[in-house]
Amino acid sequence: MENKKISIVDQTIRDAHQSLWGNRMPTDMMTSIAPIMDQVGYRAIGVTGARAGVIGSRDLKESDMFHRMRALSQLIKKTPIRGSFQPWSAFGFDVEPLAVIELYVRQTFAAGVKQFWVCDYQNMIDRTTYLVKMAKDLGAEIIMAILYSASPVHTDELFAKKTAIIANMGVDAIHIEDASGVLTPERAKTLLPVIMKEAKGIRVELHGHCYVGLAPQYYVEGMQAGIRTFHTAVSPLANDSSLPSTEGTIRNARALGLEVDIDEDALKAESEHFRKEATARGMRIGVPVEFNLENFQHQLPGGMLGTMRNQLTDIKQEHRFPEILEEIKLIRKEFGYPVMATPYSQIVGAQALFNVTSGGRYKIVSDETIMYLAGIIGTIDGPVDQNVKDKILSMPKAKKFLNWKPADITIDDLRKLAPGLTDDQLLTRISDPDKEFKDKLRTLYGR
């Protein structure tokens, strides 16, 4: 018998405010509505991860990064809370020792997060397999992400291969994420059935962004393909650079004859809460956007577009923004079409900024660009321009990266850096170190 029941993963206090507000939603805005959110009937409620924890403790003046998770887990009793981790790094855009990521996962689990979504797109299979097993041994549920990208490299065959690898890791679900909002309904018709087939019965979830307004449409394609779990946000924090609205997704599902078992009153109360709070605090409310073909060419996430405009304004170069978008298109091709999501979108975007504003292409090269081309941040899916690679890896500053490997250290080694701190405090200090502690980390990491 066909399963006609749709479930929802609520991203309002995770990806929605990350996309619309740059992770600036304070914890009190979440905790004041959390018990109501628990009543809606979501499959899970997403919470922001380590990098947002840095913003919370540094910019919002909240306590250690686990404060939010502990507070929410005490208020949300029925619905699983879903966090995240990445196999290359817990906090920055560098490749960190496994011990740092493992300690972060353990402390997050202890704070009440019982589900984790994990990015696969760095192609670090050994590290990912180790971390997935470690988290599963704790008792966590693991949802592995496949990041969608539009390019000559990202064929159905590549996504089938990635899905098969993930399915063999013993994960609980596979999460298809369109971080740049460039999946189309037409492309979804071929892509989604391929992933569903290779998942071999593992639950498949769909997570899309509305940068070009197409995500609600391909959510319908997902429903018709048999996907039954969708990531959404309540309407005040939906659309724009965020996800499709919960209300609209439910409406479309029911129009297809599918069932959605939620508490309508609780959902309305959650939506009204965030609309009221956003208005009172001067935070923008998401609205549908017009179709923009240029997004398919540069595929830069919306949050980065805003950040880059601000950076250019700071150096009085805002008029060069169109040049940088053109440069991003070229670099992405030269770099083998990396998925434009963290850390790749930051690497490509920063390098484009340098290429345009420094007086020459690759005149200034970031350490992260070198690490990417040296294969330190995982296997590259597409063919790299060999001339560009040779030019960059022959630079004097590249020598220290060519034979680099992450430090083989333990959690106890980390604890020796700051005797007397709790593990939560230690991770908070690692996440945003002062100069003295940064020097200690460099020594321990062997850099």
Protein backbone atom coordinates (compact mmCIF):
# COMPACT_ATOMS: atom_id res chain seq x y z
CA MET A 1 0.00 0.00 0.00
CA GLU A 2 1.33 3.44 -0.95
CA ASN A 3 2.51 5.59 1.94
CA LYS A 4 0.50 8.82 1.70
CA LYS A 5 1.67 10.47 4.92
CA ILE A 6 3.99 13.48 4.66
CA SER A 7 6.28 14.49 7.54
CA ILE A 8 7.98 17.84 8.09
CA VAL A 9 11.42 18.74 9.46
CA ASP A 10 11.15 22.28 10.82
CA GLN A 11 14.13 24.47 9.87
CA THR A 12 12.78 27.74 11.29
CA ILE A 13 15.36 27.97 14.09
CA ARG A 14 18.16 26.45 12.01
CA ASP A 15 18.61 27.07 8.30
CA ALA A 16 15.84 29.65 7.93
CA HIS A 17 17.32 32.25 10.26
CA GLN A 18 20.82 31.32 9.07
CA SER A 19 19.73 32.15 5.52
CA LEU A 20 17.63 35.23 6.23
CA TRP A 21 19.26 36.70 9.32
CA GLY A 22 22.86 35.46 9.22
CA ASN A 23 22.40 33.28 12.33
CA ARG A 24 21.32 36.30 14.38
CA MET A 25 18.24 34.77 16.03
CA PRO A 26 18.80 34.94 19.81
CA THR A 27 18.06 31.95 21.98
CA ASP A 28 15.23 33.67 23.86
CA MET A 29 13.28 34.02 20.61
CA MET A 30 13.50 30.23 20.26
CA THR A 31 12.87 29.14 23.84
CA SER A 32 9.79 31.31 24.25
CA ILE A 33 7.97 29.29 21.54
CA ALA A 34 9.77 25.93 21.85
CA PRO A 35 7.00 24.11 23.83
CA ILE A 36 4.47 25.09 21.15
CA MET A 37 6.80 23.90 18.37
CA ASP A 38 6.98 20.58 20.20
CA GLN A 39 3.20 20.24 19.81
CA VAL A 40 3.07 20.77 16.02
CA GLY A 41 3.97 17.18 15.15
CA TYR A 42 7.25 17.60 13.26
CA ARG A 43 9.50 14.66 12.45
CA ALA A 44 12.37 16.75 13.83
CA ILE A 45 13.28 20.33 14.72
CA GLY A 46 16.61 21.53 13.33
CA VAL A 47 18.96 23.61 15.48
CA THR A 48 22.01 25.58 14.41
CA GLY A 49 25.42 23.97 14.70
CA ALA A 50 28.93 24.87 15.75
CA ARG A 51 29.54 27.98 13.62
CA ALA A 52 26.24 29.50 14.74
CA GLY A 53 27.30 28.69 18.29
CA VAL A 54 30.34 30.90 17.75
CA ILE A 55 28.06 33.76 16.66
CA GLY A 56 25.81 33.16 19.67
CA SER A 57 28.64 33.29 22.19
CA ARG A 58 30.66 36.06 20.50
CA ASP A 59 28.17 38.40 18.81
CA LEU A 60 24.95 37.76 20.72
CA LYS A 61 26.81 37.63 24.06
CA GLU A 62 25.27 34.31 25.03
CA SER A 63 27.13 31.80 27.19
CA ASP A 64 28.95 28.74 25.81
CA MET A 65 27.70 27.35 22.52
CA PHE A 66 25.85 24.45 24.17
CA HIS A 67 23.59 26.72 26.20
CA ARG A 68 21.03 26.92 23.38
CA MET A 69 20.95 23.16 22.84
CA ARG A 70 20.50 22.41 26.53
CA ALA A 71 17.77 25.03 26.88
CA LEU A 72 15.83 23.73 23.88
CA SER A 73 16.16 20.07 24.86
CA GLN A 74 14.59 20.87 28.23
CA LEU A 75 11.58 22.46 26.51
CA ILE A 76 11.15 20.15 23.51
CA LYS A 77 10.27 16.75 24.93
CA LYS A 78 8.46 14.85 22.16
CA THR A 79 10.14 15.97 18.95
CA PRO A 80 13.75 14.94 18.16
CA ILE A 81 16.19 17.86 17.97
CA ARG A 82 18.48 17.66 14.94
CA GLY A 83 21.97 19.14 14.96
CA SER A 84 24.81 18.75 12.47
CA PHE A 85 28.48 18.08 11.98
CA GLN A 86 30.91 18.07 9.08
CA PRO A 87 33.73 15.56 8.57
CA TRP A 88 36.40 18.16 7.81
CA SER A 89 35.88 20.67 10.60
CA ALA A 90 33.74 21.58 13.59
CA PHE A 91 34.28 25.33 13.62
CA GLY A 92 36.27 26.86 10.77
CA PHE A 93 37.18 26.30 7.15
CA ASP A 94 40.36 24.43 8.01
CA VAL A 95 40.69 20.65 8.31
CA GLU A 96 40.66 19.97 12.04
CA PRO A 97 41.83 16.88 13.92
CA LEU A 98 39.13 14.24 14.29
CA ALA A 99 39.35 14.65 18.07
CA VAL A 100 37.86 18.16 17.87
CA ILE A 101 34.88 17.02 15.79
CA GLU A 102 34.35 13.92 17.91
CA LEU A 103 34.33 15.93 21.15
CA TYR A 104 31.88 18.40 19.60
CA VAL A 105 29.51 15.57 18.58
CA ARG A 106 29.73 13.95 22.02
CA GLN A 107 28.98 17.21 23.83
CA THR A 108 26.16 18.08 21.45
CA PHE A 109 24.59 14.67 22.05
CA ALA A 110 24.97 15.14 25.80
CA ALA A 111 23.22 18.52 25.49
CA GLY A 112 20.12 16.78 24.13
CA VAL A 113 20.62 16.61 20.37
CA LYS A 114 19.79 13.06 19.30
CA GLN A 115 19.86 13.45 15.51
CA PHE A 116 22.63 14.79 13.24
CA TRP A 117 22.65 15.66 9.57
CA VAL A 118 26.10 15.20 8.05
CA CYS A 119 27.46 16.75 4.86
CA ASP A 120 28.92 14.27 2.37
CA TYR A 121 30.20 16.71 -0.24
CA GLN A 122 33.78 16.93 0.97
CA ASN A 123 34.25 13.32 -0.19
CA MET A 124 36.17 12.45 2.98
CA ILE A 125 34.87 8.91 3.12
CA ASP A 126 37.21 7.53 5.81
CA ARG A 127 36.63 10.43 8.22
CA THR A 128 32.91 10.41 7.54
CA THR A 129 32.61 6.67 8.14
CA TYR A 130 34.48 6.96 11.44
CA LEU A 131 32.33 9.85 12.69
CA VAL A 132 29.07 8.23 11.60
CA LYS A 133 29.94 5.04 13.50
CA MET A 134 30.99 7.02 16.56
CA ALA A 135 27.72 8.98 16.60
CA LYS A 136 25.65 5.84 16.01
CA ASP A 137 27.43 4.14 18.92
CA LEU A 138 26.29 7.05 21.11
CA GLY A 139 22.70 6.29 20.09
CA ALA A 140 22.25 9.15 17.63
CA GLU A 141 20.22 9.00 14.43
CA ILE A 142 22.27 9.98 11.37
CA ILE A 143 20.92 11.75 8.30
CA MET A 144 23.55 12.03 5.57
CA ALA A 145 23.28 14.92 3.11
CA ILE A 146 23.83 14.78 -0.62
CA LEU A 147 24.47 18.33 -1.86
CA TYR A 148 22.96 19.09 -5.24
CA SER A 149 24.77 21.22 -7.80
CA ALA A 150 24.11 22.04 -11.43
CA SER A 151 27.18 21.47 -13.60
CA PRO A 152 28.48 19.17 -16.35
CA VAL A 153 30.02 17.04 -13.57
CA HIS A 154 26.90 16.55 -11.45
CA THR A 155 25.14 13.88 -13.48
CA ASP A 156 22.60 11.30 -12.37
CA GLU A 157 25.44 8.76 -12.47
CA LEU A 158 27.53 10.77 -9.98
CA PHE A 159 24.60 11.17 -7.60
CA ALA A 160 23.77 7.47 -7.90
CA LYS A 161 27.35 6.64 -6.91
CA LYS A 162 27.26 9.03 -3.94
CA THR A 163 23.93 7.62 -2.77
CA ALA A 164 25.17 4.03 -2.93
CA ILE A 165 28.24 4.90 -0.83
CA ILE A 166 26.09 6.62 1.79
CA ALA A 167 23.53 3.82 1.87
CA ASN A 168 26.30 1.38 2.79
CA MET A 169 27.36 3.49 5.81
CA GLY A 170 24.35 2.42 7.83
CA VAL A 171 22.73 5.86 8.00
CA ASP A 172 19.11 6.33 9.03
CA ALA A 173 18.12 8.73 6.26
CA ILE A 174 19.48 10.53 3.21
CA HIS A 175 18.88 14.27 2.93
CA ILE A 176 19.00 15.84 -0.56
CA GLU A 177 20.02 19.48 -0.15
CA ASP A 178 19.83 22.17 -2.79
CA ALA A 179 21.88 24.82 -0.97
CA SER A 180 22.06 27.19 -3.95
CA GLY A 181 18.40 26.84 -4.94
CA VAL A 182 19.22 25.70 -8.49
CA LEU A 183 17.38 22.40 -8.71
CA THR A 184 14.55 22.68 -11.23
CA PRO A 185 11.34 20.67 -11.44
CA GLU A 186 12.54 19.22 -14.77
CA ARG A 187 15.89 18.13 -13.30
CA ALA A 188 14.12 16.72 -10.25
CA LYS A 189 12.14 14.34 -12.49
CA THR A 190 15.30 12.35 -13.27
CA LEU A 191 17.44 13.04 -10.20
CA LEU A 192 15.04 12.13 -7.40
CA PRO A 193 14.06 8.67 -8.71
CA VAL A 194 17.75 7.80 -9.13
CA ILE A 195 18.51 8.70 -5.51
CA MET A 196 15.37 6.93 -4.28
CA LYS A 197 16.43 3.77 -6.11
CA GLU A 198 20.00 3.76 -4.81
CA ALA A 199 18.83 4.52 -1.26
CA LYS A 200 17.41 0.97 -1.16
CA GLY A 201 14.58 1.73 1.24
CA ILE A 202 16.42 4.25 3.44
CA ARG A 203 14.24 7.29 4.09
CA VAL A 204 14.93 10.18 1.71
CA GLU A 205 14.31 13.80 2.75
CA LEU A 206 14.25 16.92 0.58
CA HIS A 207 15.74 20.27 1.62
CA GLY A 208 15.66 23.16 -0.84
CA HIS A 209 16.16 26.91 -0.93
CA CYS A 210 14.01 29.47 -2.72
CA TYR A 211 16.69 31.72 -4.26
CA VAL A 212 15.03 31.46 -7.69
CA GLY A 213 11.55 30.53 -6.49
CA LEU A 214 11.55 26.94 -7.76
CA ALA A 215 11.85 24.94 -4.52
CA PRO A 216 8.08 24.74 -3.82
CA GLN A 217 7.61 23.38 -7.34
CA TYR A 218 10.22 20.65 -7.08
CA TYR A 219 8.90 19.73 -3.64
CA VAL A 220 5.75 18.72 -5.52
CA GLU A 221 7.91 16.64 -7.88
CA GLY A 222 9.44 15.04 -4.80
CA MET A 223 6.01 14.14 -3.45
CA GLN A 224 5.09 12.59 -6.77
CA ALA A 225 8.39 10.64 -6.81
CA GLY A 226 7.59 9.11 -3.42
CA ILE A 227 9.60 11.32 -1.05
CA ARG A 228 7.67 11.77 2.16
CA THR A 229 9.82 14.05 4.35
CA PHE A 230 10.33 17.75 3.54
CA HIS A 231 12.29 20.53 5.22
CA THR A 232 10.39 23.79 5.65
CA ALA A 233 10.09 26.95 7.75
CA VAL A 234 7.04 28.78 9.01
CA SER A 235 5.99 31.50 6.58
CA PRO A 236 7.64 34.59 8.21
CA LEU A 237 11.05 32.93 7.82
CA ALA A 238 10.34 31.10 4.55
CA ASN A 239 11.00 31.93 0.87
CA ASP A 240 13.64 34.45 -0.27
CA SER A 241 17.01 32.78 0.49
CA SER A 242 15.27 30.43 2.94
CA LEU A 243 13.20 27.26 2.46
CA PRO A 244 9.61 26.73 1.25
CA SER A 245 6.95 27.58 3.80
CA THR A 246 5.49 24.88 5.99
CA GLU A 247 2.01 26.17 5.29
CA GLY A 248 2.43 26.10 1.50
CA THR A 249 4.08 22.68 1.49
CA ILE A 250 1.23 21.21 3.53
CA ARG A 251 -1.32 22.83 1.23
CA ASN A 252 0.35 21.36 -1.87
CA ALA A 253 0.64 17.91 -0.30
CA ARG A 254 -3.06 17.83 0.51
CA ALA A 255 -3.90 19.00 -3.01
CA LEU A 256 -2.12 15.84 -4.24
CA GLY A 257 -4.24 13.68 -1.93
CA LEU A 258 -1.46 13.17 0.61
CA GLU A 259 -1.89 13.32 4.37
CA VAL A 260 -0.13 15.64 6.83
CA ASP A 261 -0.79 14.99 10.52
CA ILE A 262 -0.02 18.25 12.33
CA ASP A 263 -1.61 20.44 14.98
CA GLU A 264 -2.88 23.38 12.94
CA ASP A 265 -3.35 25.62 15.98
CA ALA A 266 0.20 25.03 17.20
CA LEU A 267 1.60 25.69 13.72
CA LYS A 268 -0.35 28.95 13.49
CA ALA A 269 0.90 30.00 16.93
CA GLU A 270 4.52 29.29 15.93
CA SER A 271 4.16 31.30 12.73
CA GLU A 272 2.52 34.23 14.49
CA HIS A 273 5.23 34.22 17.17
CA PHE A 274 8.06 34.59 14.66
CA ARG A 275 6.20 37.21 12.62
CA LYS A 276 5.62 39.27 15.75
CA GLU A 277 9.21 38.87 16.95
CA ALA A 278 10.70 39.70 13.55
CA THR A 279 8.60 42.84 13.27
CA ALA A 280 9.40 43.97 16.83
CA ARG A 281 13.15 43.41 16.42
CA GLY A 282 13.45 44.88 12.92
CA MET A 283 14.38 41.58 11.24
CA ARG A 284 13.30 41.03 7.66
CA ILE A 285 10.46 38.69 6.78
CA GLY A 286 10.93 36.32 3.86
CA VAL A 287 8.96 36.92 0.67
CA PRO A 288 8.83 34.99 -2.62
CA VAL A 289 11.47 36.02 -5.16
CA GLU A 290 11.47 36.41 -8.92
CA PHE A 291 13.21 33.87 -11.13
CA ASN A 292 16.86 34.85 -11.67
CA LEU A 293 18.81 32.95 -14.33
CA GLU A 294 22.16 34.35 -13.13
CA ASN A 295 21.92 32.25 -9.95
CA PHE A 296 22.34 29.13 -12.06
CA GLN A 297 25.65 30.46 -13.36
CA HIS A 298 27.43 31.53 -10.17
CA GLN A 299 25.37 29.39 -7.68
CA LEU A 300 26.55 31.53 -4.78
CA PRO A 301 24.31 31.04 -1.71
CA GLY A 302 22.20 34.04 -0.76
CA GLY A 303 23.88 34.61 2.59
CA MET A 304 27.25 34.91 0.87
CA LEU A 305 25.89 37.35 -1.69
CA GLY A 306 24.97 39.75 1.10
CA THR A 307 28.28 39.27 2.92
CA MET A 308 30.27 39.92 -0.25
CA ARG A 309 28.37 43.11 -1.02
CA ASN A 310 29.16 44.33 2.49
CA GLN A 311 32.85 43.48 2.10
CA LEU A 312 33.05 45.37 -1.19
CA THR A 313 31.31 48.37 0.32
CA ASP A 314 33.84 48.39 3.17
CA ILE A 315 36.72 48.68 0.68
CA LYS A 316 34.77 51.07 -1.61
CA GLN A 317 34.68 48.52 -4.43
CA GLU A 318 30.93 47.81 -4.52
CA HIS A 319 30.79 48.74 -8.23
CA ARG A 320 32.89 45.64 -8.96
CA PHE A 321 30.28 43.17 -7.73
CA PRO A 322 29.23 42.09 -11.28
CA GLU A 323 32.91 41.41 -12.09
CA ILE A 324 33.20 39.17 -9.06
CA LEU A 325 30.14 37.16 -10.06
CA GLU A 326 31.69 36.64 -13.49
CA GLU A 327 34.96 35.60 -11.84
CA ILE A 328 33.13 33.10 -9.62
CA LYS A 329 31.72 31.41 -12.72
CA LEU A 330 35.22 31.06 -14.20
CA ILE A 331 36.89 29.87 -10.98
CA ARG A 332 34.19 27.29 -10.41
CA LYS A 333 34.92 25.78 -13.83
CA GLU A 334 38.70 25.91 -13.23
CA PHE A 335 38.26 24.21 -9.84
CA GLY A 336 36.24 21.27 -11.19
CA TYR A 337 32.76 22.58 -10.33
CA PRO A 338 32.74 22.32 -6.53
CA VAL A 339 29.33 22.37 -4.86
CA MET A 340 28.66 25.96 -3.83
CA ALA A 341 28.13 25.30 -0.14
CA THR A 342 30.41 25.52 2.90
CA PRO A 343 33.41 25.39 2.64
CA TYR A 344 33.62 25.48 -1.15
CA SER A 345 31.41 28.52 -1.68
CA GLN A 346 33.59 30.53 0.72
CA ILE A 347 36.80 29.32 -0.97
CA VAL A 348 35.58 30.21 -4.47
CA GLY A 349 33.98 33.48 -3.37
CA ALA A 350 37.05 34.71 -1.47
CA GLN A 351 39.36 33.77 -4.34
CA ALA A 352 37.16 35.66 -6.80
CA LEU A 353 37.33 38.71 -4.55
CA PHE A 354 41.16 38.51 -4.52
CA ASN A 355 41.35 37.95 -8.29
CA VAL A 356 39.26 41.03 -9.06
CA THR A 357 40.54 43.47 -6.45
CA SER A 358 44.27 42.58 -6.24
CA GLY A 359 45.28 43.56 -9.76
CA GLY A 360 45.63 40.09 -11.26
CA ARG A 361 44.16 36.60 -11.31
CA TYR A 362 45.73 34.40 -8.59
CA LYS A 363 48.12 37.18 -7.62
CA ILE A 364 46.90 36.59 -4.07
CA VAL A 365 45.87 33.04 -3.20
CA SER A 366 44.23 31.98 0.04
CA ASP A 367 45.50 29.05 2.11
CA GLU A 368 42.09 27.45 1.65
CA THR A 369 42.43 27.56 -2.15
CA ILE A 370 45.78 25.78 -1.86
CA MET A 371 44.33 23.18 0.49
CA TYR A 372 41.44 22.56 -1.89
CA LEU A 373 43.67 22.06 -4.95
CA ALA A 374 46.07 19.90 -2.91
CA GLY A 375 43.20 17.55 -2.09
CA ILE A 376 43.28 18.25 1.65
CA ILE A 377 39.58 19.12 1.77
CA GLY A 378 38.58 15.90 0.04
CA THR A 379 38.50 14.38 -3.42
CA ILE A 380 37.44 16.78 -6.18
CA ASP A 381 34.53 15.50 -8.28
CA GLY A 382 35.37 17.27 -11.55
CA PRO A 383 38.44 17.93 -13.71
CA VAL A 384 40.59 20.82 -12.48
CA ASP A 385 42.31 23.22 -14.89
CA GLN A 386 45.86 21.87 -14.76
CA ASN A 387 47.50 25.20 -15.59
CA VAL A 388 45.75 26.90 -12.68
CA LYS A 389 46.55 24.03 -10.34
CA ASP A 390 50.23 23.98 -11.33
CA LYS A 391 50.54 27.76 -10.93
CA ILE A 392 49.05 27.74 -7.44
CA LEU A 393 50.76 24.61 -6.10
CA SER A 394 54.16 25.86 -7.32
CA MET A 395 53.90 28.98 -5.15
CA PRO A 396 56.34 29.06 -2.19
CA LYS A 397 53.50 29.24 0.33
CA ALA A 398 52.04 25.98 -1.07
CA LYS A 399 55.01 23.87 0.04
CA LYS A 400 53.82 23.50 3.62
CA PHE A 401 50.51 22.01 2.42
CA LEU A 402 51.69 19.44 -0.13
CA ASN A 403 52.47 16.69 2.39
CA TRP A 404 50.20 17.97 5.16
CA LYS A 405 48.03 15.62 7.18
CA PRO A 406 45.68 16.37 10.09
CA ALA A 407 47.29 15.94 13.49
CA ASP A 408 46.70 12.54 15.08
CA ILE A 409 45.72 13.70 18.56
CA THR A 410 43.22 12.53 21.16
CA ILE A 411 40.48 14.22 23.15
CA ASP A 412 42.77 13.99 26.21
CA ASP A 413 45.42 15.92 24.27
CA LEU A 414 42.86 18.68 23.73
CA ARG A 415 41.95 18.74 27.42
CA LYS A 416 45.58 19.30 28.37
CA LEU A 417 45.45 22.65 26.55
CA ALA A 418 43.25 24.16 29.25
CA PRO A 419 43.18 22.17 32.51
CA GLY A 420 40.19 23.02 34.65
CA LEU A 421 37.79 23.81 31.83
CA THR A 422 34.76 21.64 31.19
CA ASP A 423 34.53 20.05 27.75
CA ASP A 424 31.83 22.57 26.82
CA GLN A 425 34.08 25.46 27.84
CA LEU A 426 37.06 23.93 26.06
CA LEU A 427 35.15 23.65 22.78
CA THR A 428 33.84 27.20 23.12
CA ARG A 429 37.42 28.42 23.52
CA ILE A 430 38.65 26.32 20.57
CA SER A 431 35.85 27.74 18.43
CA ASP A 432 36.91 31.37 18.88
CA PRO A 433 40.43 31.39 20.32
CA ASP A 434 42.35 34.43 21.45
CA LYS A 435 45.92 34.79 20.18
CA GLU A 436 47.49 32.88 23.07
CA PHE A 437 45.14 29.94 22.71
CA LYS A 438 45.40 30.01 18.92
CA ASP A 439 49.18 29.60 19.27
CA LYS A 440 48.62 26.60 21.57
CA LEU A 441 46.30 25.04 18.99
CA ARG A 442 48.81 25.56 16.19
CA THR A 443 51.51 23.85 18.22
CA LEU A 444 49.24 20.92 19.06
CA TYR A 445 47.99 20.62 15.48
CA GLY A 446 51.56 20.69 14.16
CA ARG A 447 51.19 23.85 12.02
